[in-house]
Amino acid sequence: VMMHGNVSVTNTTVFVQSTLSNSQC
């Protein structure tokens, strides 16, 4: 996840694009 940049961060939230279930949490 870290290598492919599937993470975005705001002041209060971290969004992670799942590599396994194709969902965003």
PDB file of all heavy atoms in Angstrom:
ATOM      1  N   VAL A   1       0.839  -1.201   0.000  1.00  0.00           N
ATOM      2  CA  VAL A   1       0.000   0.000   0.000  1.00  0.00           C
ATOM      3  C   VAL A   1       0.872   1.247   0.000  1.00  0.00           C
ATOM      4  O   VAL A   1       0.640   2.190  -0.764  1.00  0.00           O
ATOM      5  CB  VAL A   1      -0.961  -0.006   1.217  1.00  0.00           C
ATOM      6  CG1 VAL A   1      -1.586   1.360   1.444  1.00  0.00           C
ATOM      7  CG2 VAL A   1      -2.045  -1.058   1.034  1.00  0.00           C
ATOM      8  N   MET A   2       1.878   1.272   0.840  1.00  0.00           N
ATOM      9  CA  MET A   2       2.762   2.433   0.917  1.00  0.00           C
ATOM     10  C   MET A   2       3.564   2.609  -0.379  1.00  0.00           C
ATOM     11  O   MET A   2       3.751   3.727  -0.852  1.00  0.00           O
ATOM     12  CB  MET A   2       3.703   2.326   2.115  1.00  0.00           C
ATOM     13  CG  MET A   2       2.986   2.340   3.465  1.00  0.00           C
ATOM     14  SD  MET A   2       1.903   3.754   3.713  1.00  0.00           S
ATOM     15  CE  MET A   2       3.098   5.045   3.911  1.00  0.00           C
ATOM     16  N   MET A   3       4.037   1.521  -0.974  1.00  0.00           N
ATOM     17  CA  MET A   3       4.829   1.602  -2.202  1.00  0.00           C
ATOM     18  C   MET A   3       4.006   2.109  -3.382  1.00  0.00           C
ATOM     19  O   MET A   3       4.499   2.837  -4.224  1.00  0.00           O
ATOM     20  CB  MET A   3       5.430   0.235  -2.542  1.00  0.00           C
ATOM     21  CG  MET A   3       6.637  -0.126  -1.699  1.00  0.00           C
ATOM     22  SD  MET A   3       7.315  -1.750  -2.100  1.00  0.00           S
ATOM     23  CE  MET A   3       7.464  -1.686  -3.869  1.00  0.00           C
ATOM     24  N   HIS A   4       2.722   1.726  -3.432  1.00  0.00           N
ATOM     25  CA  HIS A   4       1.885   2.081  -4.578  1.00  0.00           C
ATOM     26  C   HIS A   4       1.115   3.373  -4.356  1.00  0.00           C
ATOM     27  O   HIS A   4       0.337   3.773  -5.215  1.00  0.00           O
ATOM     28  CB  HIS A   4       0.931   0.951  -4.913  1.00  0.00           C
ATOM     29  CG  HIS A   4       1.621  -0.314  -5.348  1.00  0.00           C
ATOM     30  ND1 HIS A   4       2.972  -0.425  -5.578  1.00  0.00           N
ATOM     31  CD2 HIS A   4       1.140  -1.539  -5.591  1.00  0.00           C
ATOM     32  CE1 HIS A   4       3.278  -1.639  -5.937  1.00  0.00           C
ATOM     33  NE2 HIS A   4       2.183  -2.348  -5.947  1.00  0.00           N
ATOM     34  N   GLY A   5       1.313   4.012  -3.217  1.00  0.00           N
ATOM     35  CA  GLY A   5       0.671   5.298  -2.965  1.00  0.00           C
ATOM     36  C   GLY A   5      -0.834   5.225  -2.824  1.00  0.00           C
ATOM     37  O   GLY A   5      -1.539   6.153  -3.205  1.00  0.00           O
ATOM     38  N   ASN A   6      -1.360   4.141  -2.300  1.00  0.00           N
ATOM     39  CA  ASN A   6      -2.800   3.978  -2.135  1.00  0.00           C
ATOM     40  C   ASN A   6      -3.303   4.580  -0.830  1.00  0.00           C
ATOM     41  O   ASN A   6      -4.275   4.111  -0.263  1.00  0.00           O
ATOM     42  CB  ASN A   6      -3.179   2.494  -2.193  1.00  0.00           C
ATOM     43  CG  ASN A   6      -2.883   1.888  -3.541  1.00  0.00           C
ATOM     44  OD1 ASN A   6      -2.730   2.602  -4.525  1.00  0.00           O
ATOM     45  ND2 ASN A   6      -2.797   0.585  -3.593  1.00  0.00           N
ATOM     46  N   VAL A   7      -2.644   5.624  -0.364  1.00  0.00           N
ATOM     47  CA  VAL A   7      -3.000   6.254   0.900  1.00  0.00           C
ATOM     48  C   VAL A   7      -3.093   7.758   0.688  1.00  0.00           C
ATOM     49  O   VAL A   7      -2.265   8.346   0.005  1.00  0.00           O
ATOM     50  CB  VAL A   7      -1.923   5.968   1.981  1.00  0.00           C
ATOM     51  CG1 VAL A   7      -2.257   6.663   3.278  1.00  0.00           C
ATOM     52  CG2 VAL A   7      -1.755   4.478   2.195  1.00  0.00           C
ATOM     53  N   SER A   8      -4.127   8.381   1.248  1.00  0.00           N
ATOM     54  CA  SER A   8      -4.190   9.841   1.265  1.00  0.00           C
ATOM     55  C   SER A   8      -4.580  10.271   2.674  1.00  0.00           C
ATOM     56  O   SER A   8      -5.313   9.580   3.368  1.00  0.00           O
ATOM     57  CB  SER A   8      -5.186  10.368   0.230  1.00  0.00           C
ATOM     58  OG  SER A   8      -6.478   9.894   0.505  1.00  0.00           O
ATOM     59  N   VAL A   9      -4.058  11.417   3.079  1.00  0.00           N
ATOM     60  CA  VAL A   9      -4.215  11.864   4.459  1.00  0.00           C
ATOM     61  C   VAL A   9      -4.759  13.281   4.474  1.00  0.00           C
ATOM     62  O   VAL A   9      -4.312  14.138   3.711  1.00  0.00           O
ATOM     63  CB  VAL A   9      -2.850  11.821   5.195  1.00  0.00           C
ATOM     64  CG1 VAL A   9      -3.006  12.286   6.628  1.00  0.00           C
ATOM     65  CG2 VAL A   9      -2.238  10.435   5.130  1.00  0.00           C
ATOM     66  N   THR A  10      -5.753  13.525   5.343  1.00  0.00           N
ATOM     67  CA  THR A  10      -6.223  14.880   5.616  1.00  0.00           C
ATOM     68  C   THR A  10      -5.883  15.176   7.073  1.00  0.00           C
ATOM     69  O   THR A  10      -5.197  14.385   7.720  1.00  0.00           O
ATOM     70  CB  THR A  10      -7.744  15.008   5.388  1.00  0.00           C
ATOM     71  OG1 THR A  10      -8.422  14.246   6.376  1.00  0.00           O
ATOM     72  CG2 THR A  10      -8.140  14.549   3.990  1.00  0.00           C
ATOM     73  N   ASN A  11      -6.386  16.273   7.601  1.00  0.00           N
ATOM     74  CA  ASN A  11      -6.088  16.616   8.998  1.00  0.00           C
ATOM     75  C   ASN A  11      -6.611  15.584   9.990  1.00  0.00           C
ATOM     76  O   ASN A  11      -6.019  15.380  11.039  1.00  0.00           O
ATOM     77  CB  ASN A  11      -6.663  17.984   9.347  1.00  0.00           C
ATOM     78  CG  ASN A  11      -5.874  19.106   8.726  1.00  0.00           C
ATOM     79  OD1 ASN A  11      -4.737  18.910   8.299  1.00  0.00           O
ATOM     80  ND2 ASN A  11      -6.474  20.282   8.640  1.00  0.00           N
ATOM     81  N   THR A  12      -7.729  14.948   9.678  1.00  0.00           N
ATOM     82  CA  THR A  12      -8.338  14.031  10.644  1.00  0.00           C
ATOM     83  C   THR A  12      -8.570  12.623  10.123  1.00  0.00           C
ATOM     84  O   THR A  12      -9.003  11.755  10.860  1.00  0.00           O
ATOM     85  CB  THR A  12      -9.703  14.574  11.115  1.00  0.00           C
ATOM     86  OG1 THR A  12     -10.542  14.714   9.971  1.00  0.00           O
ATOM     87  CG2 THR A  12      -9.549  15.882  11.849  1.00  0.00           C
ATOM     88  N   THR A  13      -8.301  12.376   8.837  1.00  0.00           N
ATOM     89  CA  THR A  13      -8.664  11.092   8.249  1.00  0.00           C
ATOM     90  C   THR A  13      -7.534  10.538   7.395  1.00  0.00           C
ATOM     91  O   THR A  13      -6.870  11.272   6.690  1.00  0.00           O
ATOM     92  CB  THR A  13      -9.922  11.249   7.361  1.00  0.00           C
ATOM     93  OG1 THR A  13     -10.945  11.892   8.108  1.00  0.00           O
ATOM     94  CG2 THR A  13     -10.420   9.913   6.863  1.00  0.00           C
ATOM     95  N   VAL A  14      -7.359   9.227   7.473  1.00  0.00           N
ATOM     96  CA  VAL A  14      -6.444   8.523   6.582  1.00  0.00           C
ATOM     97  C   VAL A  14      -7.309   7.616   5.711  1.00  0.00           C
ATOM     98  O   VAL A  14      -8.069   6.795   6.220  1.00  0.00           O
ATOM     99  CB  VAL A  14      -5.418   7.671   7.371  1.00  0.00           C
ATOM    100  CG1 VAL A  14      -4.557   6.868   6.413  1.00  0.00           C
ATOM    101  CG2 VAL A  14      -4.572   8.540   8.273  1.00  0.00           C
ATOM    102  N   PHE A  15      -7.240   7.796   4.383  1.00  0.00           N
ATOM    103  CA  PHE A  15      -7.969   6.957   3.444  1.00  0.00           C
ATOM    104  C   PHE A  15      -7.004   5.932   2.872  1.00  0.00           C
ATOM    105  O   PHE A  15      -5.920   6.277   2.424  1.00  0.00           O
ATOM    106  CB  PHE A  15      -8.552   7.794   2.298  1.00  0.00           C
ATOM    107  CG  PHE A  15      -9.644   8.720   2.737  1.00  0.00           C
ATOM    108  CD1 PHE A  15      -9.358  10.026   3.084  1.00  0.00           C
ATOM    109  CD2 PHE A  15     -10.955   8.269   2.805  1.00  0.00           C
ATOM    110  CE1 PHE A  15     -10.362  10.879   3.486  1.00  0.00           C
ATOM    111  CE2 PHE A  15     -11.965   9.120   3.209  1.00  0.00           C
ATOM    112  CZ  PHE A  15     -11.678  10.436   3.555  1.00  0.00           C
ATOM    113  N   VAL A  16      -7.426   4.660   2.891  1.00  0.00           N
ATOM    114  CA  VAL A  16      -6.584   3.583   2.373  1.00  0.00           C
ATOM    115  C   VAL A  16      -7.385   2.808   1.339  1.00  0.00           C
ATOM    116  O   VAL A  16      -8.475   2.320   1.638  1.00  0.00           O
ATOM    117  CB  VAL A  16      -6.138   2.628   3.500  1.00  0.00           C
ATOM    118  CG1 VAL A  16      -5.305   1.484   2.939  1.00  0.00           C
ATOM    119  CG2 VAL A  16      -5.394   3.371   4.582  1.00  0.00           C
ATOM    120  N   GLN A  17      -6.849   2.715   0.135  1.00  0.00           N
ATOM    121  CA  GLN A  17      -7.483   1.896  -0.893  1.00  0.00           C
ATOM    122  C   GLN A  17      -7.015   0.468  -0.681  1.00  0.00           C
ATOM    123  O   GLN A  17      -5.828   0.175  -0.732  1.00  0.00           O
ATOM    124  CB  GLN A  17      -7.092   2.377  -2.289  1.00  0.00           C
ATOM    125  CG  GLN A  17      -7.715   1.583  -3.417  1.00  0.00           C
ATOM    126  CD  GLN A  17      -9.218   1.782  -3.501  1.00  0.00           C
ATOM    127  OE1 GLN A  17      -9.709   2.863  -3.296  1.00  0.00           O
ATOM    128  NE2 GLN A  17      -9.926   0.717  -3.789  1.00  0.00           N
ATOM    129  N   SER A  18      -7.941  -0.425  -0.415  1.00  0.00           N
ATOM    130  CA  SER A  18      -7.600  -1.816  -0.146  1.00  0.00           C
ATOM    131  C   SER A  18      -6.999  -2.463  -1.381  1.00  0.00           C
ATOM    132  O   SER A  18      -7.467  -2.247  -2.498  1.00  0.00           O
ATOM    133  CB  SER A  18      -8.843  -2.589   0.288  1.00  0.00           C
ATOM    134  OG  SER A  18      -8.562  -3.961   0.322  1.00  0.00           O
ATOM    135  N   THR A  19      -5.993  -3.294  -1.183  1.00  0.00           N
ATOM    136  CA  THR A  19      -5.407  -4.034  -2.297  1.00  0.00           C
ATOM    137  C   THR A  19      -6.058  -5.402  -2.444  1.00  0.00           C
ATOM    138  O   THR A  19      -5.824  -6.096  -3.417  1.00  0.00           O
ATOM    139  CB  THR A  19      -3.892  -4.231  -2.077  1.00  0.00           C
ATOM    140  OG1 THR A  19      -3.699  -4.932  -0.848  1.00  0.00           O
ATOM    141  CG2 THR A  19      -3.176  -2.909  -2.051  1.00  0.00           C
ATOM    142  N   LEU A  20      -6.888  -5.791  -1.473  1.00  0.00           N
ATOM    143  CA  LEU A  20      -7.458  -7.132  -1.499  1.00  0.00           C
ATOM    144  C   LEU A  20      -8.953  -7.165  -1.778  1.00  0.00           C
ATOM    145  O   LEU A  20      -9.436  -7.985  -2.523  1.00  0.00           O
ATOM    146  CB  LEU A  20      -7.194  -7.834  -0.158  1.00  0.00           C
ATOM    147  CG  LEU A  20      -5.725  -8.044   0.166  1.00  0.00           C
ATOM    148  CD1 LEU A  20      -5.571  -8.562   1.566  1.00  0.00           C
ATOM    149  CD2 LEU A  20      -5.113  -9.010  -0.829  1.00  0.00           C
ATOM    150  N   SER A  21      -9.704  -6.264  -1.157  1.00  0.00           N
ATOM    151  CA  SER A  21     -11.159  -6.334  -1.286  1.00  0.00           C
ATOM    152  C   SER A  21     -11.721  -5.282  -2.227  1.00  0.00           C
ATOM    153  O   SER A  21     -12.923  -5.172  -2.381  1.00  0.00           O
ATOM    154  CB  SER A  21     -11.819  -6.215   0.084  1.00  0.00           C
ATOM    155  OG  SER A  21     -11.472  -4.987   0.684  1.00  0.00           O
ATOM    156  N   ASN A  22     -10.861  -4.471  -2.837  1.00  0.00           N
ATOM    157  CA  ASN A  22     -11.279  -3.425  -3.774  1.00  0.00           C
ATOM    158  C   ASN A  22     -12.281  -2.451  -3.161  1.00  0.00           C
ATOM    159  O   ASN A  22     -13.209  -2.014  -3.801  1.00  0.00           O
ATOM    160  CB  ASN A  22     -11.855  -4.028  -5.059  1.00  0.00           C
ATOM    161  CG  ASN A  22     -10.813  -4.792  -5.823  1.00  0.00           C
ATOM    162  OD1 ASN A  22      -9.656  -4.400  -5.845  1.00  0.00           O
ATOM    163  ND2 ASN A  22     -11.208  -5.892  -6.429  1.00  0.00           N
ATOM    164  N   SER A  23     -12.098  -2.154  -1.900  1.00  0.00           N
ATOM    165  CA  SER A  23     -12.959  -1.180  -1.241  1.00  0.00           C
ATOM    166  C   SER A  23     -12.080  -0.114  -0.610  1.00  0.00           C
ATOM    167  O   SER A  23     -10.880  -0.281  -0.469  1.00  0.00           O
ATOM    168  CB  SER A  23     -13.812  -1.856  -0.173  1.00  0.00           C
ATOM    169  OG  SER A  23     -12.985  -2.399   0.825  1.00  0.00           O
ATOM    170  N   GLN A  24     -12.710   0.978  -0.270  1.00  0.00           N
ATOM    171  CA  GLN A  24     -11.960   2.041   0.390  1.00  0.00           C
ATOM    172  C   GLN A  24     -12.448   2.159   1.820  1.00  0.00           C
ATOM    173  O   GLN A  24     -13.645   2.145   2.081  1.00  0.00           O
ATOM    174  CB  GLN A  24     -12.158   3.367  -0.341  1.00  0.00           C
ATOM    175  CG  GLN A  24     -11.229   4.449   0.195  1.00  0.00           C
ATOM    176  CD  GLN A  24     -11.333   5.716  -0.614  1.00  0.00           C
ATOM    177  OE1 GLN A  24     -12.381   6.328  -0.668  1.00  0.00           O
ATOM    178  NE2 GLN A  24     -10.239   6.094  -1.239  1.00  0.00           N
ATOM    179  N   CYS A  25     -11.524   2.232   2.735  1.00  0.00           N
ATOM    180  CA  CYS A  25     -11.906   2.421   4.124  1.00  0.00           C
ATOM    181  C   CYS A  25     -11.196   3.658   4.642  1.00  0.00           C
ATOM    182  O   CYS A  25     -10.257   4.152   4.038  1.00  0.00           O
ATOM    183  CB  CYS A  25     -11.558   1.206   4.967  1.00  0.00           C
ATOM    184  SG  CYS A  25      -9.796   0.838   5.036  1.00  0.00           S
TER     185      CYS A  25
END
